[in-house]
PDB file of N, CA and C in Angstrom:
ATOM      1  N   MET A   1       5.625 -18.427   3.142  1.00  0.00           N
ATOM      2  CA  MET A   1       4.282 -18.753   2.698  1.00  0.00           C
ATOM      3  C   MET A   1       4.106 -18.259   1.266  1.00  0.00           C
ATOM      4  N   LYS A   2       3.687 -19.127   0.387  1.00  0.00           N
ATOM      5  CA  LYS A   2       3.545 -18.808  -1.024  1.00  0.00           C
ATOM      6  C   LYS A   2       2.080 -18.497  -1.330  1.00  0.00           C
ATOM      7  N   THR A   3       1.855 -17.472  -2.159  1.00  0.00           N
ATOM      8  CA  THR A   3       0.484 -17.136  -2.539  1.00  0.00           C
ATOM      9  C   THR A   3       0.021 -18.082  -3.642  1.00  0.00           C
ATOM     10  N   THR A   4      -1.296 -18.262  -3.725  1.00  0.00           N
ATOM     11  CA  THR A   4      -1.864 -19.098  -4.779  1.00  0.00           C
ATOM     12  C   THR A   4      -2.424 -18.195  -5.876  1.00  0.00           C
ATOM     13  N   ALA A   5      -2.665 -18.773  -7.040  1.00  0.00           N
ATOM     14  CA  ALA A   5      -3.230 -18.004  -8.154  1.00  0.00           C
ATOM     15  C   ALA A   5      -4.599 -17.441  -7.763  1.00  0.00           C
ATOM     16  N   LYS A   6      -5.382 -18.221  -7.037  1.00  0.00           N
ATOM     17  CA  LYS A   6      -6.698 -17.768  -6.598  1.00  0.00           C
ATOM     18  C   LYS A   6      -6.569 -16.571  -5.643  1.00  0.00           C
ATOM     19  N   HIS A   7      -5.625 -16.651  -4.719  1.00  0.00           N
ATOM     20  CA  HIS A   7      -5.361 -15.564  -3.776  1.00  0.00           C
ATOM     21  C   HIS A   7      -4.925 -14.308  -4.525  1.00  0.00           C
ATOM     22  N   ASP A   8      -3.998 -14.466  -5.473  1.00  0.00           N
ATOM     23  CA  ASP A   8      -3.497 -13.335  -6.251  1.00  0.00           C
ATOM     24  C   ASP A   8      -4.622 -12.671  -7.051  1.00  0.00           C
ATOM     25  N   GLU A   9      -5.499 -13.484  -7.624  1.00  0.00           N
ATOM     26  CA  GLU A   9      -6.625 -12.945  -8.399  1.00  0.00           C
ATOM     27  C   GLU A   9      -7.592 -12.178  -7.493  1.00  0.00           C
ATOM     28  N   LYS A  10      -7.843 -12.718  -6.321  1.00  0.00           N
ATOM     29  CA  LYS A  10      -8.732 -12.052  -5.363  1.00  0.00           C
ATOM     30  C   LYS A  10      -8.177 -10.682  -4.972  1.00  0.00           C
ATOM     31  N   ILE A  11      -6.886 -10.620  -4.689  1.00  0.00           N
ATOM     32  CA  ILE A  11      -6.230  -9.361  -4.319  1.00  0.00           C
ATOM     33  C   ILE A  11      -6.314  -8.374  -5.489  1.00  0.00           C
ATOM     34  N   ALA A  12      -5.987  -8.819  -6.686  1.00  0.00           N
ATOM     35  CA  ALA A  12      -5.971  -7.953  -7.864  1.00  0.00           C
ATOM     36  C   ALA A  12      -7.344  -7.367  -8.161  1.00  0.00           C
ATOM     37  N   ASN A  13      -8.400  -8.126  -7.870  1.00  0.00           N
ATOM     38  CA  ASN A  13      -9.760  -7.681  -8.191  1.00  0.00           C
ATOM     39  C   ASN A  13     -10.439  -6.876  -7.091  1.00  0.00           C
ATOM     40  N   MET A  14      -9.823  -6.801  -5.908  1.00  0.00           N
ATOM     41  CA  MET A  14     -10.381  -5.959  -4.834  1.00  0.00           C
ATOM     42  C   MET A  14     -10.252  -4.499  -5.252  1.00  0.00           C
ATOM     43  N   THR A  15     -11.251  -3.696  -4.905  1.00  0.00           N
ATOM     44  CA  THR A  15     -11.150  -2.278  -5.239  1.00  0.00           C
ATOM     45  C   THR A  15     -10.368  -1.534  -4.166  1.00  0.00           C
ATOM     46  N   PHE A  16      -9.584  -0.571  -4.612  1.00  0.00           N
ATOM     47  CA  PHE A  16      -8.859   0.266  -3.672  1.00  0.00           C
ATOM     48  C   PHE A  16      -9.854   0.982  -2.763  1.00  0.00           C
ATOM     49  N   ALA A  17     -10.978   1.433  -3.333  1.00  0.00           N
ATOM     50  CA  ALA A  17     -11.994   2.165  -2.570  1.00  0.00           C
ATOM     51  C   ALA A  17     -12.547   1.342  -1.405  1.00  0.00           C
ATOM     52  N   SER A  18     -12.574   0.022  -1.541  1.00  0.00           N
ATOM     53  CA  SER A  18     -13.102  -0.825  -0.463  1.00  0.00           C
ATOM     54  C   SER A  18     -12.110  -0.972   0.688  1.00  0.00           C
ATOM     55  N   VAL A  19     -10.824  -0.807   0.417  1.00  0.00           N
ATOM     56  CA  VAL A  19      -9.790  -0.992   1.427  1.00  0.00           C
ATOM     57  C   VAL A  19      -9.372   0.343   2.063  1.00  0.00           C
ATOM     58  N   TYR A  20      -9.446   1.404   1.287  1.00  0.00           N
ATOM     59  CA  TYR A  20      -9.006   2.729   1.728  1.00  0.00           C
ATOM     60  C   TYR A  20      -9.598   3.150   3.079  1.00  0.00           C
ATOM     61  N   PRO A  21     -10.919   2.991   3.326  1.00  0.00           N
ATOM     62  CA  PRO A  21     -11.449   3.369   4.645  1.00  0.00           C
ATOM     63  C   PRO A  21     -10.803   2.605   5.798  1.00  0.00           C
ATOM     64  N   HIS A  22     -10.396   1.367   5.542  1.00  0.00           N
ATOM     65  CA  HIS A  22      -9.721   0.569   6.579  1.00  0.00           C
ATOM     66  C   HIS A  22      -8.337   1.138   6.880  1.00  0.00           C
ATOM     67  N   TYR A  23      -7.659   1.606   5.837  1.00  0.00           N
ATOM     68  CA  TYR A  23      -6.363   2.264   6.045  1.00  0.00           C
ATOM     69  C   TYR A  23      -6.547   3.507   6.918  1.00  0.00           C
ATOM     70  N   ILE A  24      -7.560   4.307   6.584  1.00  0.00           N
ATOM     71  CA  ILE A  24      -7.835   5.541   7.346  1.00  0.00           C
ATOM     72  C   ILE A  24      -8.104   5.198   8.812  1.00  0.00           C
ATOM     73  N   ASN A  25      -9.012   4.252   9.055  1.00  0.00           N
ATOM     74  CA  ASN A  25      -9.350   3.858  10.432  1.00  0.00           C
ATOM     75  C   ASN A  25      -8.121   3.371  11.188  1.00  0.00           C
ATOM     76  N   LYS A  26      -7.313   2.567  10.531  1.00  0.00           N
ATOM     77  CA  LYS A  26      -6.149   1.980  11.193  1.00  0.00           C
ATOM     78  C   LYS A  26      -5.174   3.064  11.646  1.00  0.00           C
ATOM     79  N   VAL A  27      -4.871   4.020  10.770  1.00  0.00           N
ATOM     80  CA  VAL A  27      -3.873   5.032  11.142  1.00  0.00           C
ATOM     81  C   VAL A  27      -4.440   6.070  12.103  1.00  0.00           C
ATOM     82  N   GLU A  28      -5.704   6.464  11.899  1.00  0.00           N
ATOM     83  CA  GLU A  28      -6.289   7.480  12.791  1.00  0.00           C
ATOM     84  C   GLU A  28      -6.507   6.934  14.196  1.00  0.00           C
ATOM     85  N   LYS A  29      -6.860   5.656  14.294  1.00  0.00           N
ATOM     86  CA  LYS A  29      -7.059   5.018  15.593  1.00  0.00           C
ATOM     87  C   LYS A  29      -5.756   5.031  16.405  1.00  0.00           C
ATOM     88  N   LYS A  30      -4.631   5.034  15.704  1.00  0.00           N
ATOM     89  CA  LYS A  30      -3.324   5.033  16.362  1.00  0.00           C
ATOM     90  C   LYS A  30      -2.709   6.431  16.444  1.00  0.00           C
ATOM     91  N   GLY A  31      -3.526   7.464  16.164  1.00  0.00           N
ATOM     92  CA  GLY A  31      -3.055   8.830  16.336  1.00  0.00           C
ATOM     93  C   GLY A  31      -2.288   9.422  15.167  1.00  0.00           C
ATOM     94  N   ARG A  32      -2.308   8.761  14.030  1.00  0.00           N
ATOM     95  CA  ARG A  32      -1.648   9.315  12.847  1.00  0.00           C
ATOM     96  C   ARG A  32      -2.700  10.022  11.991  1.00  0.00           C
ATOM     97  N   SER A  33      -2.240  10.888  11.100  1.00  0.00           N
ATOM     98  CA  SER A  33      -3.172  11.730  10.350  1.00  0.00           C
ATOM     99  C   SER A  33      -3.448  11.206   8.939  1.00  0.00           C
ATOM    100  N   LEU A  34      -4.540  11.706   8.382  1.00  0.00           N
ATOM    101  CA  LEU A  34      -4.899  11.410   7.005  1.00  0.00           C
ATOM    102  C   LEU A  34      -3.814  11.942   6.059  1.00  0.00           C
ATOM    103  N   ASP A  35      -3.251  13.098   6.377  1.00  0.00           N
ATOM    104  CA  ASP A  35      -2.163  13.655   5.559  1.00  0.00           C
ATOM    105  C   ASP A  35      -0.957  12.725   5.534  1.00  0.00           C
ATOM    106  N   GLU A  36      -0.647  12.115   6.668  1.00  0.00           N
ATOM    107  CA  GLU A  36       0.474  11.173   6.720  1.00  0.00           C
ATOM    108  C   GLU A  36       0.169   9.937   5.873  1.00  0.00           C
ATOM    109  N   LEU A  37      -1.060   9.459   5.943  1.00  0.00           N
ATOM    110  CA  LEU A  37      -1.463   8.318   5.119  1.00  0.00           C
ATOM    111  C   LEU A  37      -1.294   8.665   3.646  1.00  0.00           C
ATOM    112  N   HIS A  38      -1.762   9.854   3.259  1.00  0.00           N
ATOM    113  CA  HIS A  38      -1.647  10.256   1.860  1.00  0.00           C
ATOM    114  C   HIS A  38      -0.191  10.415   1.435  1.00  0.00           C
ATOM    115  N   GLU A  39       0.648  10.872   2.350  1.00  0.00           N
ATOM    116  CA  GLU A  39       2.077  10.996   2.044  1.00  0.00           C
ATOM    117  C   GLU A  39       2.690   9.624   1.759  1.00  0.00           C
ATOM    118  N   VAL A  40       2.316   8.642   2.545  1.00  0.00           N
ATOM    119  CA  VAL A  40       2.812   7.277   2.366  1.00  0.00           C
ATOM    120  C   VAL A  40       2.320   6.709   1.028  1.00  0.00           C
ATOM    121  N   ILE A  41       1.040   6.897   0.736  1.00  0.00           N
ATOM    122  CA  ILE A  41       0.480   6.389  -0.520  1.00  0.00           C
ATOM    123  C   ILE A  41       1.150   7.076  -1.709  1.00  0.00           C
ATOM    124  N   GLU A  42       1.340   8.394  -1.599  1.00  0.00           N
ATOM    125  CA  GLU A  42       1.970   9.124  -2.702  1.00  0.00           C
ATOM    126  C   GLU A  42       3.419   8.685  -2.888  1.00  0.00           C
ATOM    127  N   TRP A  43       4.133   8.443  -1.794  1.00  0.00           N
ATOM    128  CA  TRP A  43       5.520   7.981  -1.903  1.00  0.00           C
ATOM    129  C   TRP A  43       5.585   6.669  -2.690  1.00  0.00           C
ATOM    130  N   LEU A  44       4.679   5.737  -2.373  1.00  0.00           N
ATOM    131  CA  LEU A  44       4.711   4.427  -3.023  1.00  0.00           C
ATOM    132  C   LEU A  44       4.215   4.485  -4.461  1.00  0.00           C
ATOM    133  N   THR A  45       3.123   5.219  -4.701  1.00  0.00           N
ATOM    134  CA  THR A  45       2.430   5.141  -5.992  1.00  0.00           C
ATOM    135  C   THR A  45       2.628   6.341  -6.910  1.00  0.00           C
ATOM    136  N   GLY A  46       2.992   7.488  -6.332  1.00  0.00           N
ATOM    137  CA  GLY A  46       3.076   8.717  -7.117  1.00  0.00           C
ATOM    138  C   GLY A  46       1.749   9.446  -7.217  1.00  0.00           C
ATOM    139  N   PHE A  47       0.668   8.873  -6.668  1.00  0.00           N
ATOM    140  CA  PHE A  47      -0.656   9.504  -6.748  1.00  0.00           C
ATOM    141  C   PHE A  47      -0.788  10.620  -5.728  1.00  0.00           C
ATOM    142  N   ASP A  48      -1.134  11.827  -6.198  1.00  0.00           N
ATOM    143  CA  ASP A  48      -1.440  12.909  -5.264  1.00  0.00           C
ATOM    144  C   ASP A  48      -2.903  12.767  -4.821  1.00  0.00           C
ATOM    145  N   GLN A  49      -3.342  13.658  -3.946  1.00  0.00           N
ATOM    146  CA  GLN A  49      -4.693  13.573  -3.380  1.00  0.00           C
ATOM    147  C   GLN A  49      -5.765  13.586  -4.470  1.00  0.00           C
ATOM    148  N   GLN A  50      -5.603  14.444  -5.456  1.00  0.00           N
ATOM    149  CA  GLN A  50      -6.598  14.562  -6.524  1.00  0.00           C
ATOM    150  C   GLN A  50      -6.686  13.269  -7.340  1.00  0.00           C
ATOM    151  N   GLN A  51      -5.546  12.702  -7.693  1.00  0.00           N
ATOM    152  CA  GLN A  51      -5.532  11.449  -8.449  1.00  0.00           C
ATOM    153  C   GLN A  51      -6.118  10.308  -7.623  1.00  0.00           C
ATOM    154  N   LEU A  52      -5.798  10.290  -6.338  1.00  0.00           N
ATOM    155  CA  LEU A  52      -6.296   9.255  -5.442  1.00  0.00           C
ATOM    156  C   LEU A  52      -7.826   9.312  -5.356  1.00  0.00           C
ATOM    157  N   THR A  53      -8.353  10.519  -5.199  1.00  0.00           N
ATOM    158  CA  THR A  53      -9.806  10.702  -5.136  1.00  0.00           C
ATOM    159  C   THR A  53     -10.472  10.201  -6.413  1.00  0.00           C
ATOM    160  N   LYS A  54      -9.868  10.498  -7.552  1.00  0.00           N
ATOM    161  CA  LYS A  54     -10.420  10.059  -8.844  1.00  0.00           C
ATOM    162  C   LYS A  54     -10.437   8.528  -8.932  1.00  0.00           C
ATOM    163  N   LEU A  55      -9.359   7.896  -8.506  1.00  0.00           N
ATOM    164  CA  LEU A  55      -9.290   6.434  -8.539  1.00  0.00           C
ATOM    165  C   LEU A  55     -10.313   5.800  -7.594  1.00  0.00           C
ATOM    166  N   ILE A  56     -10.527   6.432  -6.459  1.00  0.00           N
ATOM    167  CA  ILE A  56     -11.536   5.952  -5.509  1.00  0.00           C
ATOM    168  C   ILE A  56     -12.923   6.089  -6.124  1.00  0.00           C
ATOM    169  N   ASP A  57     -13.198   7.250  -6.708  1.00  0.00           N
ATOM    170  CA  ASP A  57     -14.501   7.480  -7.350  1.00  0.00           C
ATOM    171  C   ASP A  57     -14.760   6.503  -8.490  1.00  0.00           C
ATOM    172  N   GLU A  58     -13.698   6.155  -9.211  1.00  0.00           N
ATOM    173  CA  GLU A  58     -13.821   5.209 -10.332  1.00  0.00           C
ATOM    174  C   GLU A  58     -13.905   3.756  -9.865  1.00  0.00           C
ATOM    175  N   LYS A  59     -13.668   3.540  -8.564  1.00  0.00           N
ATOM    176  CA  LYS A  59     -13.691   2.201  -7.977  1.00  0.00           C
ATOM    177  C   LYS A  59     -12.779   1.219  -8.732  1.00  0.00           C
ATOM    178  N   VAL A  60     -11.552   1.677  -8.989  1.00  0.00           N
ATOM    179  CA  VAL A  60     -10.601   0.817  -9.689  1.00  0.00           C
ATOM    180  C   VAL A  60     -10.147  -0.321  -8.782  1.00  0.00           C
ATOM    181  N   ASN A  61      -9.866  -1.458  -9.406  1.00  0.00           N
ATOM    182  CA  ASN A  61      -9.338  -2.572  -8.623  1.00  0.00           C
ATOM    183  C   ASN A  61      -7.830  -2.371  -8.438  1.00  0.00           C
ATOM    184  N   PHE A  62      -7.238  -3.202  -7.586  1.00  0.00           N
ATOM    185  CA  PHE A  62      -5.815  -3.031  -7.285  1.00  0.00           C
ATOM    186  C   PHE A  62      -4.941  -3.261  -8.515  1.00  0.00           C
ATOM    187  N   LYS A  63      -5.361  -4.139  -9.413  1.00  0.00           N
ATOM    188  CA  LYS A  63      -4.569  -4.362 -10.624  1.00  0.00           C
ATOM    189  C   LYS A  63      -4.470  -3.061 -11.419  1.00  0.00           C
ATOM    190  N   THR A  64      -5.591  -2.399 -11.639  1.00  0.00           N
ATOM    191  CA  THR A  64      -5.613  -1.123 -12.363  1.00  0.00           C
ATOM    192  C   THR A  64      -4.891  -0.047 -11.570  1.00  0.00           C
ATOM    193  N   PHE A  65      -5.127  -0.004 -10.260  1.00  0.00           N
ATOM    194  CA  PHE A  65      -4.498   0.977  -9.375  1.00  0.00           C
ATOM    195  C   PHE A  65      -2.978   0.949  -9.537  1.00  0.00           C
ATOM    196  N   PHE A  66      -2.393  -0.243  -9.461  1.00  0.00           N
ATOM    197  CA  PHE A  66      -0.940  -0.339  -9.538  1.00  0.00           C
ATOM    198  C   PHE A  66      -0.424  -0.282 -10.975  1.00  0.00           C
ATOM    199  N   THR A  67      -1.259  -0.598 -11.958  1.00  0.00           N
ATOM    200  CA  THR A  67      -0.861  -0.399 -13.357  1.00  0.00           C
ATOM    201  C   THR A  67      -0.693   1.089 -13.645  1.00  0.00           C
ATOM    202  N   LYS A  68      -1.574   1.907 -13.073  1.00  0.00           N
ATOM    203  CA  LYS A  68      -1.522   3.360 -13.267  1.00  0.00           C
ATOM    204  C   LYS A  68      -0.470   4.031 -12.386  1.00  0.00           C
ATOM    205  N   ALA A  69      -0.028   3.340 -11.355  1.00  0.00           N
ATOM    206  CA  ALA A  69       0.926   3.919 -10.398  1.00  0.00           C
ATOM    207  C   ALA A  69       2.322   4.049 -11.003  1.00  0.00           C
ATOM    208  N   ASN A  70       3.058   5.003 -10.467  1.00  0.00           N
ATOM    209  CA  ASN A  70       4.476   5.153 -10.787  1.00  0.00           C
ATOM    210  C   ASN A  70       5.219   4.701  -9.529  1.00  0.00           C
ATOM    211  N   LEU A  71       5.433   3.392  -9.428  1.00  0.00           N
ATOM    212  CA  LEU A  71       5.976   2.808  -8.200  1.00  0.00           C
ATOM    213  C   LEU A  71       7.337   3.402  -7.852  1.00  0.00           C
ATOM    214  N   ASN A  72       7.483   3.755  -6.587  1.00  0.00           N
ATOM    215  CA  ASN A  72       8.730   4.343  -6.115  1.00  0.00           C
ATOM    216  C   ASN A  72       9.892   3.366  -6.362  1.00  0.00           C
ATOM    217  N   PRO A  73      11.015   3.871  -6.893  1.00  0.00           N
ATOM    218  CA  PRO A  73      12.147   2.972  -7.155  1.00  0.00           C
ATOM    219  C   PRO A  73      12.716   2.322  -5.898  1.00  0.00           C
ATOM    220  N   ASN A  74      12.405   2.865  -4.726  1.00  0.00           N
ATOM    221  CA  ASN A  74      12.884   2.271  -3.473  1.00  0.00           C
ATOM    222  C   ASN A  74      11.866   1.322  -2.845  1.00  0.00           C
ATOM    223  N   ALA A  75      10.787   1.019  -3.547  1.00  0.00           N
ATOM    224  CA  ALA A  75       9.766   0.121  -2.999  1.00  0.00           C
ATOM    225  C   ALA A  75      10.357  -1.241  -2.635  1.00  0.00           C
ATOM    226  N   HIS A  76      11.372  -1.667  -3.372  1.00  0.00           N
ATOM    227  CA  HIS A  76      11.994  -2.974  -3.083  1.00  0.00           C
ATOM    228  C   HIS A  76      12.643  -3.021  -1.697  1.00  0.00           C
ATOM    229  N   LEU A  77      12.829  -1.848  -1.091  1.00  0.00           N
ATOM    230  CA  LEU A  77      13.411  -1.796   0.257  1.00  0.00           C
ATOM    231  C   LEU A  77      12.388  -2.134   1.350  1.00  0.00           C
ATOM    232  N   ILE A  78      11.119  -2.247   0.953  1.00  0.00           N
ATOM    233  CA  ILE A  78      10.065  -2.608   1.909  1.00  0.00           C
ATOM    234  C   ILE A  78      10.165  -4.118   2.138  1.00  0.00           C
ATOM    235  N   THR A  79      10.451  -4.477   3.372  1.00  0.00           N
ATOM    236  CA  THR A  79      10.609  -5.894   3.706  1.00  0.00           C
ATOM    237  C   THR A  79       9.858  -6.200   4.995  1.00  0.00           C
ATOM    238  N   GLY A  80       9.697  -7.464   5.255  1.00  0.00           N
ATOM    239  CA  GLY A  80       9.049  -7.883   6.486  1.00  0.00           C
ATOM    240  C   GLY A  80       7.789  -8.680   6.206  1.00  0.00           C
ATOM    241  N   VAL A  81       7.091  -9.021   7.272  1.00  0.00           N
ATOM    242  CA  VAL A  81       5.909  -9.868   7.174  1.00  0.00           C
ATOM    243  C   VAL A  81       4.655  -9.022   7.354  1.00  0.00           C
ATOM    244  N   ILE A  82       3.704  -9.235   6.464  1.00  0.00           N
ATOM    245  CA  ILE A  82       2.391  -8.603   6.576  1.00  0.00           C
ATOM    246  C   ILE A  82       1.355  -9.628   6.126  1.00  0.00           C
ATOM    247  N   CYS A  83       0.308  -9.775   6.909  1.00  0.00           N
ATOM    248  CA  CYS A  83      -0.757 -10.747   6.615  1.00  0.00           C
ATOM    249  C   CYS A  83      -0.207 -12.163   6.412  1.00  0.00           C
ATOM    250  N   GLY A  84       0.863 -12.494   7.135  1.00  0.00           N
ATOM    251  CA  GLY A  84       1.424 -13.836   7.065  1.00  0.00           C
ATOM    252  C   GLY A  84       2.373 -14.076   5.904  1.00  0.00           C
ATOM    253  N   TYR A  85       2.627 -13.051   5.105  1.00  0.00           N
ATOM    254  CA  TYR A  85       3.499 -13.194   3.944  1.00  0.00           C
ATOM    255  C   TYR A  85       4.723 -12.301   4.088  1.00  0.00           C
ATOM    256  N   ARG A  86       5.879 -12.808   3.722  1.00  0.00           N
ATOM    257  CA  ARG A  86       7.099 -12.004   3.677  1.00  0.00           C
ATOM    258  C   ARG A  86       7.060 -11.258   2.342  1.00  0.00           C
ATOM    259  N   VAL A  87       6.900  -9.925   2.394  1.00  0.00           N
ATOM    260  CA  VAL A  87       6.629  -9.139   1.187  1.00  0.00           C
ATOM    261  C   VAL A  87       7.711  -9.271   0.124  1.00  0.00           C
ATOM    262  N   GLU A  88       8.961  -9.373   0.530  1.00  0.00           N
ATOM    263  CA  GLU A  88      10.035  -9.448  -0.459  1.00  0.00           C
ATOM    264  C   GLU A  88      10.071 -10.785  -1.198  1.00  0.00           C
ATOM    265  N   GLU A  89       9.310 -11.780  -0.713  1.00  0.00           N
ATOM    266  CA  GLU A  89       9.288 -13.098  -1.350  1.00  0.00           C
ATOM    267  C   GLU A  89       8.040 -13.341  -2.192  1.00  0.00           C
ATOM    268  N   ILE A  90       7.100 -12.399  -2.199  1.00  0.00           N
ATOM    269  CA  ILE A  90       5.877 -12.570  -2.993  1.00  0.00           C
ATOM    270  C   ILE A  90       6.228 -12.437  -4.462  1.00  0.00           C
ATOM    271  N   GLU A  91       5.840 -13.420  -5.257  1.00  0.00           N
ATOM    272  CA  GLU A  91       6.222 -13.462  -6.666  1.00  0.00           C
ATOM    273  C   GLU A  91       5.279 -12.683  -7.573  1.00  0.00           C
ATOM    274  N   ASN A  92       3.992 -12.651  -7.265  1.00  0.00           N
ATOM    275  CA  ASN A  92       3.036 -11.931  -8.109  1.00  0.00           C
ATOM    276  C   ASN A  92       3.201 -10.425  -7.888  1.00  0.00           C
ATOM    277  N   PRO A  93       3.487  -9.661  -8.952  1.00  0.00           N
ATOM    278  CA  PRO A  93       3.761  -8.226  -8.785  1.00  0.00           C
ATOM    279  C   PRO A  93       2.623  -7.434  -8.139  1.00  0.00           C
ATOM    280  N   VAL A  94       1.383  -7.675  -8.546  1.00  0.00           N
ATOM    281  CA  VAL A  94       0.260  -6.911  -7.977  1.00  0.00           C
ATOM    282  C   VAL A  94       0.084  -7.244  -6.504  1.00  0.00           C
ATOM    283  N   THR A  95       0.117  -8.517  -6.168  1.00  0.00           N
ATOM    284  CA  THR A  95      -0.013  -8.930  -4.771  1.00  0.00           C
ATOM    285  C   THR A  95       1.118  -8.323  -3.946  1.00  0.00           C
ATOM    286  N   GLN A  96       2.328  -8.332  -4.479  1.00  0.00           N
ATOM    287  CA  GLN A  96       3.458  -7.757  -3.760  1.00  0.00           C
ATOM    288  C   GLN A  96       3.256  -6.255  -3.550  1.00  0.00           C
ATOM    289  N   GLN A  97       2.781  -5.551  -4.562  1.00  0.00           N
ATOM    290  CA  GLN A  97       2.582  -4.103  -4.446  1.00  0.00           C
ATOM    291  C   GLN A  97       1.488  -3.776  -3.431  1.00  0.00           C
ATOM    292  N   VAL A  98       0.421  -4.560  -3.415  1.00  0.00           N
ATOM    293  CA  VAL A  98      -0.643  -4.360  -2.419  1.00  0.00           C
ATOM    294  C   VAL A  98      -0.071  -4.587  -1.025  1.00  0.00           C
ATOM    295  N   ARG A  99       0.733  -5.608  -0.870  1.00  0.00           N
ATOM    296  CA  ARG A  99       1.336  -5.894   0.440  1.00  0.00           C
ATOM    297  C   ARG A  99       2.365  -4.830   0.824  1.00  0.00           C
ATOM    298  N   TYR A 100       3.051  -4.239  -0.157  1.00  0.00           N
ATOM    299  CA  TYR A 100       3.927  -3.097   0.142  1.00  0.00           C
ATOM    300  C   TYR A 100       3.100  -1.997   0.796  1.00  0.00           C
ATOM    301  N   LEU A 101       1.962  -1.692   0.188  1.00  0.00           N
ATOM    302  CA  LEU A 101       1.097  -0.638   0.722  1.00  0.00           C
ATOM    303  C   LEU A 101       0.594  -1.013   2.110  1.00  0.00           C
ATOM    304  N   ASP A 102       0.157  -2.252   2.277  1.00  0.00           N
ATOM    305  CA  ASP A 102      -0.294  -2.719   3.598  1.00  0.00           C
ATOM    306  C   ASP A 102       0.815  -2.560   4.642  1.00  0.00           C
ATOM    307  N   LYS A 103       2.034  -2.901   4.255  1.00  0.00           N
ATOM    308  CA  LYS A 103       3.176  -2.829   5.176  1.00  0.00           C
ATOM    309  C   LYS A 103       3.448  -1.379   5.573  1.00  0.00           C
ATOM    310  N   LEU A 104       3.402  -0.458   4.608  1.00  0.00           N
ATOM    311  CA  LEU A 104       3.636   0.955   4.910  1.00  0.00           C
ATOM    312  C   LEU A 104       2.561   1.503   5.845  1.00  0.00           C
ATOM    313  N   VAL A 105       1.309   1.153   5.583  1.00  0.00           N
ATOM    314  CA  VAL A 105       0.204   1.599   6.443  1.00  0.00           C
ATOM    315  C   VAL A 105       0.379   1.026   7.843  1.00  0.00           C
ATOM    316  N   ASP A 106       0.789  -0.220   7.929  1.00  0.00           N
ATOM    317  CA  ASP A 106       1.026  -0.864   9.218  1.00  0.00           C
ATOM    318  C   ASP A 106       2.143  -0.155   9.989  1.00  0.00           C
ATOM    319  N   GLU A 107       3.223   0.171   9.298  1.00  0.00           N
ATOM    320  CA  GLU A 107       4.334   0.874   9.944  1.00  0.00           C
ATOM    321  C   GLU A 107       3.898   2.256  10.427  1.00  0.00           C
ATOM    322  N   LEU A 108       3.089   2.939   9.635  1.00  0.00           N
ATOM    323  CA  LEU A 108       2.564   4.253  10.025  1.00  0.00           C
ATOM    324  C   LEU A 108       1.726   4.119  11.295  1.00  0.00           C
ATOM    325  N   ALA A 109       0.839   3.137  11.300  1.00  0.00           N
ATOM    326  CA  ALA A 109      -0.034   2.925  12.457  1.00  0.00           C
ATOM    327  C   ALA A 109       0.759   2.534  13.705  1.00  0.00           C
ATOM    328  N   LYS A 110       1.893   1.881  13.518  1.00  0.00           N
ATOM    329  CA  LYS A 110       2.709   1.458  14.665  1.00  0.00           C
ATOM    330  C   LYS A 110       3.604   2.577  15.188  1.00  0.00           C
ATOM    331  N   GLY A 111       3.511   3.755  14.572  1.00  0.00           N
ATOM    332  CA  GLY A 111       4.242   4.905  15.087  1.00  0.00           C
ATOM    333  C   GLY A 111       5.662   5.070  14.568  1.00  0.00           C
ATOM    334  N   LYS A 112       6.004   4.335  13.542  1.00  0.00           N
ATOM    335  CA  LYS A 112       7.345   4.469  12.967  1.00  0.00           C
ATOM    336  C   LYS A 112       7.531   5.881  12.420  1.00  0.00           C
ATOM    337  N   LYS A 113       8.751   6.390  12.478  1.00  0.00           N
ATOM    338  CA  LYS A 113       9.040   7.728  11.959  1.00  0.00           C
ATOM    339  C   LYS A 113       8.890   7.732  10.446  1.00  0.00           C
ATOM    340  N   MET A 114       8.387   8.862   9.923  1.00  0.00           N
ATOM    341  CA  MET A 114       8.098   8.970   8.502  1.00  0.00           C
ATOM    342  C   MET A 114       9.335   8.720   7.634  1.00  0.00           C
ATOM    343  N   GLU A 115      10.505   9.210   8.036  1.00  0.00           N
ATOM    344  CA  GLU A 115      11.699   8.997   7.212  1.00  0.00           C
ATOM    345  C   GLU A 115      12.068   7.514   7.121  1.00  0.00           C
ATOM    346  N   LYS A 116      11.741   6.744   8.149  1.00  0.00           N
ATOM    347  CA  LYS A 116      11.976   5.298   8.118  1.00  0.00           C
ATOM    348  C   LYS A 116      10.957   4.612   7.193  1.00  0.00           C
ATOM    349  N   ILE A 117       9.694   5.021   7.308  1.00  0.00           N
ATOM    350  CA  ILE A 117       8.635   4.453   6.484  1.00  0.00           C
ATOM    351  C   ILE A 117       8.928   4.703   5.004  1.00  0.00           C
ATOM    352  N   LEU A 118       9.379   5.923   4.704  1.00  0.00           N
ATOM    353  CA  LEU A 118       9.627   6.303   3.313  1.00  0.00           C
ATOM    354  C   LEU A 118      11.022   5.892   2.829  1.00  0.00           C
ATOM    355  N   ARG A 119      11.661   5.047   3.600  1.00  0.00           N
ATOM    356  CA  ARG A 119      12.963   4.482   3.216  1.00  0.00           C
ATOM    357  C   ARG A 119      13.941   5.560   2.765  1.00  0.00           C
ATOM    358  N   ALA A 120      14.046   6.608   3.602  1.00  0.00           N
ATOM    359  CA  ALA A 120      14.963   7.708   3.303  1.00  0.00           C
ATOM    360  C   ALA A 120      16.403   7.208   3.375  1.00  0.00           C
ATOM    361  N   PRO A 121      17.278   7.713   2.495  1.00  0.00           N
ATOM    362  CA  PRO A 121      18.673   7.279   2.549  1.00  0.00           C
ATOM    363  C   PRO A 121      19.318   7.641   3.886  1.00  0.00           C
ATOM    364  N   LYS A 122      20.216   6.797   4.310  1.00  0.00           N
ATOM    365  CA  LYS A 122      20.854   6.990   5.623  1.00  0.00           C
ATOM    366  C   LYS A 122      21.979   7.979   5.540  1.00  0.00           C
TER     367      LYS A 122
END
């Protein structure tokens, strides 16, 4: 499934602050912790808790969020389908990065072990 320019623009303009509570609800409902969520976000983006709070307070959109991020060099190892899209085939960088984050949160909520989620070397 290929994303459209309109879809990519919509994703890029969504604020991280608007989606973050959904991430929290999703992982906590499945028995995972806020600390684990933050560990996953920090692994992908490099943002610690303080930086994350600042970005939430500033209500940055995903385009700005990922522009400021220091994307993990192993992010390309995130594969699979999320929201109907195969993440490794998404061409728009911002949309792909948002879907990387969605995929990691989904794996956390599904009970996957942290070393698997964080793509630890074998």
